[in-house]
PDB file of N, CA and C in Angstrom:
ATOM      1  N   MET A   1       0.857  -1.178   0.000  1.00  0.00           N
ATOM      2  CA  MET A   1       0.000   0.000   0.000  1.00  0.00           C
ATOM      3  C   MET A   1       0.899   1.235   0.000  1.00  0.00           C
ATOM      4  N   ASN A   2       0.683   2.097  -0.972  1.00  0.00           N
ATOM      5  CA  ASN A   2       1.460   3.332  -1.018  1.00  0.00           C
ATOM      6  C   ASN A   2       0.701   4.462  -0.313  1.00  0.00           C
ATOM      7  N   GLY A   3       1.279   5.649  -0.333  1.00  0.00           N
ATOM      8  CA  GLY A   3       0.687   6.774   0.378  1.00  0.00           C
ATOM      9  C   GLY A   3      -0.733   7.122  -0.033  1.00  0.00           C
ATOM     10  N   PRO A   4      -0.977   7.315  -1.335  1.00  0.00           N
ATOM     11  CA  PRO A   4      -2.346   7.637  -1.753  1.00  0.00           C
ATOM     12  C   PRO A   4      -3.354   6.527  -1.434  1.00  0.00           C
ATOM     13  N   GLU A   5      -2.932   5.272  -1.532  1.00  0.00           N
ATOM     14  CA  GLU A   5      -3.824   4.162  -1.186  1.00  0.00           C
ATOM     15  C   GLU A   5      -4.144   4.171   0.309  1.00  0.00           C
ATOM     16  N   PHE A   6      -3.151   4.503   1.126  1.00  0.00           N
ATOM     17  CA  PHE A   6      -3.372   4.603   2.561  1.00  0.00           C
ATOM     18  C   PHE A   6      -4.359   5.720   2.869  1.00  0.00           C
ATOM     19  N   ARG A   7      -4.199   6.852   2.214  1.00  0.00           N
ATOM     20  CA  ARG A   7      -5.113   7.982   2.398  1.00  0.00           C
ATOM     21  C   ARG A   7      -6.533   7.582   2.010  1.00  0.00           C
ATOM     22  N   GLU A   8      -6.686   6.869   0.888  1.00  0.00           N
ATOM     23  CA  GLU A   8      -8.008   6.423   0.445  1.00  0.00           C
ATOM     24  C   GLU A   8      -8.609   5.410   1.427  1.00  0.00           C
ATOM     25  N   ALA A   9      -7.773   4.543   1.983  1.00  0.00           N
ATOM     26  CA  ALA A   9      -8.254   3.567   2.960  1.00  0.00           C
ATOM     27  C   ALA A   9      -8.776   4.268   4.209  1.00  0.00           C
ATOM     28  N   LEU A  10      -8.075   5.303   4.648  1.00  0.00           N
ATOM     29  CA  LEU A  10      -8.559   6.080   5.793  1.00  0.00           C
ATOM     30  C   LEU A  10      -9.910   6.716   5.480  1.00  0.00           C
ATOM     31  N   GLN A  11     -10.023   7.284   4.297  1.00  0.00           N
ATOM     32  CA  GLN A  11     -11.282   7.923   3.902  1.00  0.00           C
ATOM     33  C   GLN A  11     -12.412   6.906   3.826  1.00  0.00           C
ATOM     34  N   ALA A  12     -12.095   5.688   3.370  1.00  0.00           N
ATOM     35  CA  ALA A  12     -13.117   4.650   3.235  1.00  0.00           C
ATOM     36  C   ALA A  12     -13.714   4.247   4.584  1.00  0.00           C
ATOM     37  N   ILE A  13     -12.921   4.351   5.649  1.00  0.00           N
ATOM     38  CA  ILE A  13     -13.456   4.014   6.972  1.00  0.00           C
ATOM     39  C   ILE A  13     -13.975   5.250   7.697  1.00  0.00           C
ATOM     40  N   GLY A  14     -13.909   6.390   7.020  1.00  0.00           N
ATOM     41  CA  GLY A  14     -14.448   7.619   7.600  1.00  0.00           C
ATOM     42  C   GLY A  14     -13.504   8.321   8.559  1.00  0.00           C
ATOM     43  N   TRP A  15     -12.213   8.044   8.440  1.00  0.00           N
ATOM     44  CA  TRP A  15     -11.226   8.675   9.311  1.00  0.00           C
ATOM     45  C   TRP A  15     -10.421   9.713   8.551  1.00  0.00           C
ATOM     46  N   LYS A  16     -10.048  10.756   9.247  1.00  0.00           N
ATOM     47  CA  LYS A  16      -9.103  11.735   8.728  1.00  0.00           C
ATOM     48  C   LYS A  16      -7.700  11.310   9.152  1.00  0.00           C
ATOM     49  N   GLN A  17      -6.711  11.886   8.524  1.00  0.00           N
ATOM     50  CA  GLN A  17      -5.332  11.607   8.923  1.00  0.00           C
ATOM     51  C   GLN A  17      -5.119  11.957  10.389  1.00  0.00           C
ATOM     52  N   SER A  18      -5.716  13.058  10.819  1.00  0.00           N
ATOM     53  CA  SER A  18      -5.564  13.481  12.213  1.00  0.00           C
ATOM     54  C   SER A  18      -6.233  12.497  13.172  1.00  0.00           C
ATOM     55  N   ASP A  19      -7.336  11.860  12.742  1.00  0.00           N
ATOM     56  CA  ASP A  19      -7.990  10.844  13.572  1.00  0.00           C
ATOM     57  C   ASP A  19      -7.047   9.662  13.800  1.00  0.00           C
ATOM     58  N   PHE A  20      -6.398   9.216  12.724  1.00  0.00           N
ATOM     59  CA  PHE A  20      -5.477   8.090  12.840  1.00  0.00           C
ATOM     60  C   PHE A  20      -4.297   8.470  13.731  1.00  0.00           C
ATOM     61  N   ALA A  21      -3.765   9.658  13.530  1.00  0.00           N
ATOM     62  CA  ALA A  21      -2.631  10.104  14.345  1.00  0.00           C
ATOM     63  C   ALA A  21      -3.014  10.148  15.821  1.00  0.00           C
ATOM     64  N   ARG A  22      -4.179  10.668  16.117  1.00  0.00           N
ATOM     65  CA  ARG A  22      -4.635  10.763  17.508  1.00  0.00           C
ATOM     66  C   ARG A  22      -4.838   9.376  18.117  1.00  0.00           C
ATOM     67  N   ALA A  23      -5.477   8.477  17.363  1.00  0.00           N
ATOM     68  CA  ALA A  23      -5.751   7.137  17.868  1.00  0.00           C
ATOM     69  C   ALA A  23      -4.465   6.349  18.111  1.00  0.00           C
ATOM     70  N   MET A  24      -3.466   6.574  17.293  1.00  0.00           N
ATOM     71  CA  MET A  24      -2.204   5.840  17.411  1.00  0.00           C
ATOM     72  C   MET A  24      -1.149   6.602  18.217  1.00  0.00           C
ATOM     73  N   ARG A  25      -1.549   7.774  18.708  1.00  0.00           N
ATOM     74  CA  ARG A  25      -0.639   8.633  19.482  1.00  0.00           C
ATOM     75  C   ARG A  25       0.629   8.963  18.701  1.00  0.00           C
ATOM     76  N   LEU A  26       0.402   9.394  17.466  1.00  0.00           N
ATOM     77  CA  LEU A  26       1.479   9.800  16.572  1.00  0.00           C
ATOM     78  C   LEU A  26       1.367  11.289  16.286  1.00  0.00           C
ATOM     79  N   HIS A  27       2.451  11.869  15.839  1.00  0.00           N
ATOM     80  CA  HIS A  27       2.385  13.255  15.392  1.00  0.00           C
ATOM     81  C   HIS A  27       1.674  13.277  14.051  1.00  0.00           C
ATOM     82  N   ARG A  28       0.817  14.252  13.850  1.00  0.00           N
ATOM     83  CA  ARG A  28       0.027  14.292  12.609  1.00  0.00           C
ATOM     84  C   ARG A  28       0.909  14.417  11.371  1.00  0.00           C
ATOM     85  N   ASN A  29       2.103  14.987  11.520  1.00  0.00           N
ATOM     86  CA  ASN A  29       3.002  15.097  10.362  1.00  0.00           C
ATOM     87  C   ASN A  29       3.482  13.725   9.890  1.00  0.00           C
ATOM     88  N   SER A  30       3.608  12.786  10.806  1.00  0.00           N
ATOM     89  CA  SER A  30       4.023  11.429  10.415  1.00  0.00           C
ATOM     90  C   SER A  30       2.993  10.819   9.476  1.00  0.00           C
ATOM     91  N   VAL A  31       1.735  10.897   9.867  1.00  0.00           N
ATOM     92  CA  VAL A  31       0.665  10.320   9.044  1.00  0.00           C
ATOM     93  C   VAL A  31       0.546  11.092   7.736  1.00  0.00           C
ATOM     94  N   SER A  32       0.700  12.385   7.787  1.00  0.00           N
ATOM     95  CA  SER A  32       0.660  13.192   6.577  1.00  0.00           C
ATOM     96  C   SER A  32       1.762  12.778   5.606  1.00  0.00           C
ATOM     97  N   ASP A  33       2.946  12.518   6.122  1.00  0.00           N
ATOM     98  CA  ASP A  33       4.057  12.055   5.276  1.00  0.00           C
ATOM     99  C   ASP A  33       3.726  10.709   4.640  1.00  0.00           C
ATOM    100  N   TRP A  34       3.114   9.811   5.416  1.00  0.00           N
ATOM    101  CA  TRP A  34       2.764   8.496   4.881  1.00  0.00           C
ATOM    102  C   TRP A  34       1.751   8.607   3.751  1.00  0.00           C
ATOM    103  N   CYS A  35       0.874   9.611   3.820  1.00  0.00           N
ATOM    104  CA  CYS A  35      -0.201   9.764   2.844  1.00  0.00           C
ATOM    105  C   CYS A  35       0.213  10.548   1.599  1.00  0.00           C
ATOM    106  N   SER A  36       1.428  11.037   1.580  1.00  0.00           N
ATOM    107  CA  SER A  36       1.897  11.818   0.434  1.00  0.00           C
ATOM    108  C   SER A  36       2.121  10.918  -0.772  1.00  0.00           C
ATOM    109  N   GLU A  37       2.297  11.525  -1.939  1.00  0.00           N
ATOM    110  CA  GLU A  37       2.517  10.765  -3.168  1.00  0.00           C
ATOM    111  C   GLU A  37       3.701   9.811  -3.048  1.00  0.00           C
ATOM    112  N   ALA A  38       4.761  10.250  -2.387  1.00  0.00           N
ATOM    113  CA  ALA A  38       5.971   9.435  -2.237  1.00  0.00           C
ATOM    114  C   ALA A  38       5.975   8.670  -0.915  1.00  0.00           C
ATOM    115  N   GLY A  39       4.888   8.777  -0.154  1.00  0.00           N
ATOM    116  CA  GLY A  39       4.842   8.190   1.172  1.00  0.00           C
ATOM    117  C   GLY A  39       4.700   6.677   1.162  1.00  0.00           C
ATOM    118  N   GLN A  40       5.119   6.094   2.264  1.00  0.00           N
ATOM    119  CA  GLN A  40       4.999   4.654   2.454  1.00  0.00           C
ATOM    120  C   GLN A  40       4.687   4.401   3.920  1.00  0.00           C
ATOM    121  N   PRO A  41       3.423   4.103   4.244  1.00  0.00           N
ATOM    122  CA  PRO A  41       3.081   3.840   5.643  1.00  0.00           C
ATOM    123  C   PRO A  41       3.735   2.539   6.110  1.00  0.00           C
ATOM    124  N   PRO A  42       4.086   2.463   7.386  1.00  0.00           N
ATOM    125  CA  PRO A  42       4.646   1.209   7.901  1.00  0.00           C
ATOM    126  C   PRO A  42       3.613   0.086   7.813  1.00  0.00           C
ATOM    127  N   ILE A  43       4.102  -1.120   7.754  1.00  0.00           N
ATOM    128  CA  ILE A  43       3.218  -2.277   7.571  1.00  0.00           C
ATOM    129  C   ILE A  43       2.190  -2.396   8.686  1.00  0.00           C
ATOM    130  N   TRP A  44       2.556  -2.053   9.913  1.00  0.00           N
ATOM    131  CA  TRP A  44       1.593  -2.161  11.016  1.00  0.00           C
ATOM    132  C   TRP A  44       0.428  -1.208  10.800  1.00  0.00           C
ATOM    133  N   ALA A  45       0.706  -0.005  10.256  1.00  0.00           N
ATOM    134  CA  ALA A  45      -0.359   0.973  10.011  1.00  0.00           C
ATOM    135  C   ALA A  45      -1.271   0.504   8.878  1.00  0.00           C
ATOM    136  N   GLN A  46      -0.666  -0.078   7.852  1.00  0.00           N
ATOM    137  CA  GLN A  46      -1.459  -0.616   6.747  1.00  0.00           C
ATOM    138  C   GLN A  46      -2.402  -1.704   7.248  1.00  0.00           C
ATOM    139  N   ARG A  47      -1.872  -2.613   8.049  1.00  0.00           N
ATOM    140  CA  ARG A  47      -2.689  -3.717   8.559  1.00  0.00           C
ATOM    141  C   ARG A  47      -3.793  -3.223   9.484  1.00  0.00           C
ATOM    142  N   TYR A  48      -3.495  -2.211  10.273  1.00  0.00           N
ATOM    143  CA  TYR A  48      -4.494  -1.655  11.183  1.00  0.00           C
ATOM    144  C   TYR A  48      -5.667  -1.070  10.398  1.00  0.00           C
ATOM    145  N   VAL A  49      -5.362  -0.300   9.365  1.00  0.00           N
ATOM    146  CA  VAL A  49      -6.424   0.310   8.560  1.00  0.00           C
ATOM    147  C   VAL A  49      -7.199  -0.762   7.795  1.00  0.00           C
ATOM    148  N   GLN A  50      -6.510  -1.787   7.315  1.00  0.00           N
ATOM    149  CA  GLN A  50      -7.201  -2.880   6.630  1.00  0.00           C
ATOM    150  C   GLN A  50      -8.151  -3.607   7.587  1.00  0.00           C
ATOM    151  N   LEU A  51      -7.708  -3.809   8.817  1.00  0.00           N
ATOM    152  CA  LEU A  51      -8.554  -4.448   9.818  1.00  0.00           C
ATOM    153  C   LEU A  51      -9.783  -3.594  10.121  1.00  0.00           C
ATOM    154  N   LEU A  52      -9.595  -2.296  10.268  1.00  0.00           N
ATOM    155  CA  LEU A  52     -10.727  -1.406  10.519  1.00  0.00           C
ATOM    156  C   LEU A  52     -11.718  -1.441   9.355  1.00  0.00           C
ATOM    157  N   ALA A  53     -11.211  -1.525   8.134  1.00  0.00           N
ATOM    158  CA  ALA A  53     -12.084  -1.595   6.957  1.00  0.00           C
ATOM    159  C   ALA A  53     -12.899  -2.891   6.982  1.00  0.00           C
ATOM    160  N   LYS A  54     -12.271  -4.013   7.364  1.00  0.00           N
ATOM    161  CA  LYS A  54     -12.986  -5.280   7.455  1.00  0.00           C
ATOM    162  C   LYS A  54     -14.054  -5.241   8.543  1.00  0.00           C
ATOM    163  N   LEU A  55     -13.704  -4.639   9.674  1.00  0.00           N
ATOM    164  CA  LEU A  55     -14.683  -4.514  10.757  1.00  0.00           C
ATOM    165  C   LEU A  55     -15.873  -3.663  10.340  1.00  0.00           C
ATOM    166  N   LYS A  56     -15.609  -2.590   9.621  1.00  0.00           N
ATOM    167  CA  LYS A  56     -16.697  -1.739   9.157  1.00  0.00           C
ATOM    168  C   LYS A  56     -17.601  -2.506   8.189  1.00  0.00           C
ATOM    169  N   ALA A  57     -16.984  -3.271   7.279  1.00  0.00           N
ATOM    170  CA  ALA A  57     -17.762  -4.051   6.322  1.00  0.00           C
ATOM    171  C   ALA A  57     -18.607  -5.099   7.036  1.00  0.00           C
ATOM    172  N   LEU A  58     -18.041  -5.762   8.026  1.00  0.00           N
ATOM    173  CA  LEU A  58     -18.805  -6.757   8.791  1.00  0.00           C
ATOM    174  C   LEU A  58     -19.973  -6.115   9.531  1.00  0.00           C
ATOM    175  N   ALA A  59     -19.721  -4.975  10.121  1.00  0.00           N
ATOM    176  CA  ALA A  59     -20.792  -4.283  10.841  1.00  0.00           C
ATOM    177  C   ALA A  59     -21.922  -3.901   9.892  1.00  0.00           C
ATOM    178  N   LEU A  60     -21.579  -3.402   8.722  1.00  0.00           N
ATOM    179  CA  LEU A  60     -22.605  -3.019   7.759  1.00  0.00           C
ATOM    180  C   LEU A  60     -23.375  -4.232   7.250  1.00  0.00           C
ATOM    181  N   GLU A  61     -22.687  -5.364   7.153  1.00  0.00           N
ATOM    182  CA  GLU A  61     -23.310  -6.578   6.639  1.00  0.00           C
ATOM    183  C   GLU A  61     -24.213  -7.256   7.668  1.00  0.00           C
ATOM    184  N   HIS A  62     -23.809  -7.221   8.935  1.00  0.00           N
ATOM    185  CA  HIS A  62     -24.500  -8.023   9.940  1.00  0.00           C
ATOM    186  C   HIS A  62     -25.322  -7.247  10.958  1.00  0.00           C
ATOM    187  N   ILE A  63     -25.118  -5.981  11.054  1.00  0.00           N
ATOM    188  CA  ILE A  63     -25.850  -5.206  12.048  1.00  0.00           C
ATOM    189  C   ILE A  63     -26.823  -4.294  11.314  1.00  0.00           C
ATOM    190  N   GLU A  64     -28.070  -4.636  11.461  1.00  0.00           N
ATOM    191  CA  GLU A  64     -29.122  -3.857  10.813  1.00  0.00           C
ATOM    192  C   GLU A  64     -29.836  -3.020  11.861  1.00  0.00           C
ATOM    193  N   PRO A  65     -30.272  -1.845  11.475  1.00  0.00           N
ATOM    194  CA  PRO A  65     -31.048  -1.049  12.427  1.00  0.00           C
ATOM    195  C   PRO A  65     -32.370  -1.736  12.728  1.00  0.00           C
ATOM    196  N   PRO A  66     -32.926  -1.505  13.892  1.00  0.00           N
ATOM    197  CA  PRO A  66     -34.211  -2.135  14.206  1.00  0.00           C
ATOM    198  C   PRO A  66     -35.300  -1.617  13.263  1.00  0.00           C
ATOM    199  N   PRO A  67     -36.291  -2.451  12.989  1.00  0.00           N
ATOM    200  CA  PRO A  67     -37.369  -2.013  12.103  1.00  0.00           C
ATOM    201  C   PRO A  67     -38.164  -0.888  12.759  1.00  0.00           C
ATOM    202  N   LYS A  68     -38.684  -0.037  11.908  1.00  0.00           N
ATOM    203  CA  LYS A  68     -39.509   1.061  12.416  1.00  0.00           C
ATOM    204  C   LYS A  68     -40.851   0.490  12.888  1.00  0.00           C
ATOM    205  N   ASN A  69     -41.306   1.021  14.006  1.00  0.00           N
ATOM    206  CA  ASN A  69     -42.584   0.604  14.558  1.00  0.00           C
ATOM    207  C   ASN A  69     -43.681   1.355  13.810  1.00  0.00           C
ATOM    208  N   THR A  70     -44.516   0.615  13.118  1.00  0.00           N
ATOM    209  CA  THR A  70     -45.578   1.259  12.337  1.00  0.00           C
ATOM    210  C   THR A  70     -46.839   1.490  13.159  1.00  0.00           C
ATOM    211  N   GLU A  71     -46.900   0.860  14.345  1.00  0.00           N
ATOM    212  CA  GLU A  71     -48.056   1.045  15.218  1.00  0.00           C
ATOM    213  C   GLU A  71     -47.852   2.261  16.108  1.00  0.00           C
ATOM    214  N   ALA A  72     -48.919   2.968  16.369  1.00  0.00           N
ATOM    215  CA  ALA A  72     -48.836   4.109  17.282  1.00  0.00           C
ATOM    216  C   ALA A  72     -48.680   3.591  18.707  1.00  0.00           C
ATOM    217  N   GLU A  73     -47.843   4.257  19.456  1.00  0.00           N
ATOM    218  CA  GLU A  73     -47.607   3.833  20.850  1.00  0.00           C
ATOM    219  C   GLU A  73     -48.626   4.415  21.780  1.00  0.00           C
TER     220      GLU A  73
END
């Protein structure tokens, strides 16, 4: 995964670069560097974002909102 792909993966899970930096207790410039055209995020960061994407997909697939109650209460 290169920098732009990492940036797109963050966007796909609804996170900003600053969100990832805060969650991982990193300086925001580090994540910004990884997301640049020439950037290369470390493998642990790539795997973390991939895991979050899988969790989001599972949640969307298996967790449905409760049905609306059509009867008046």
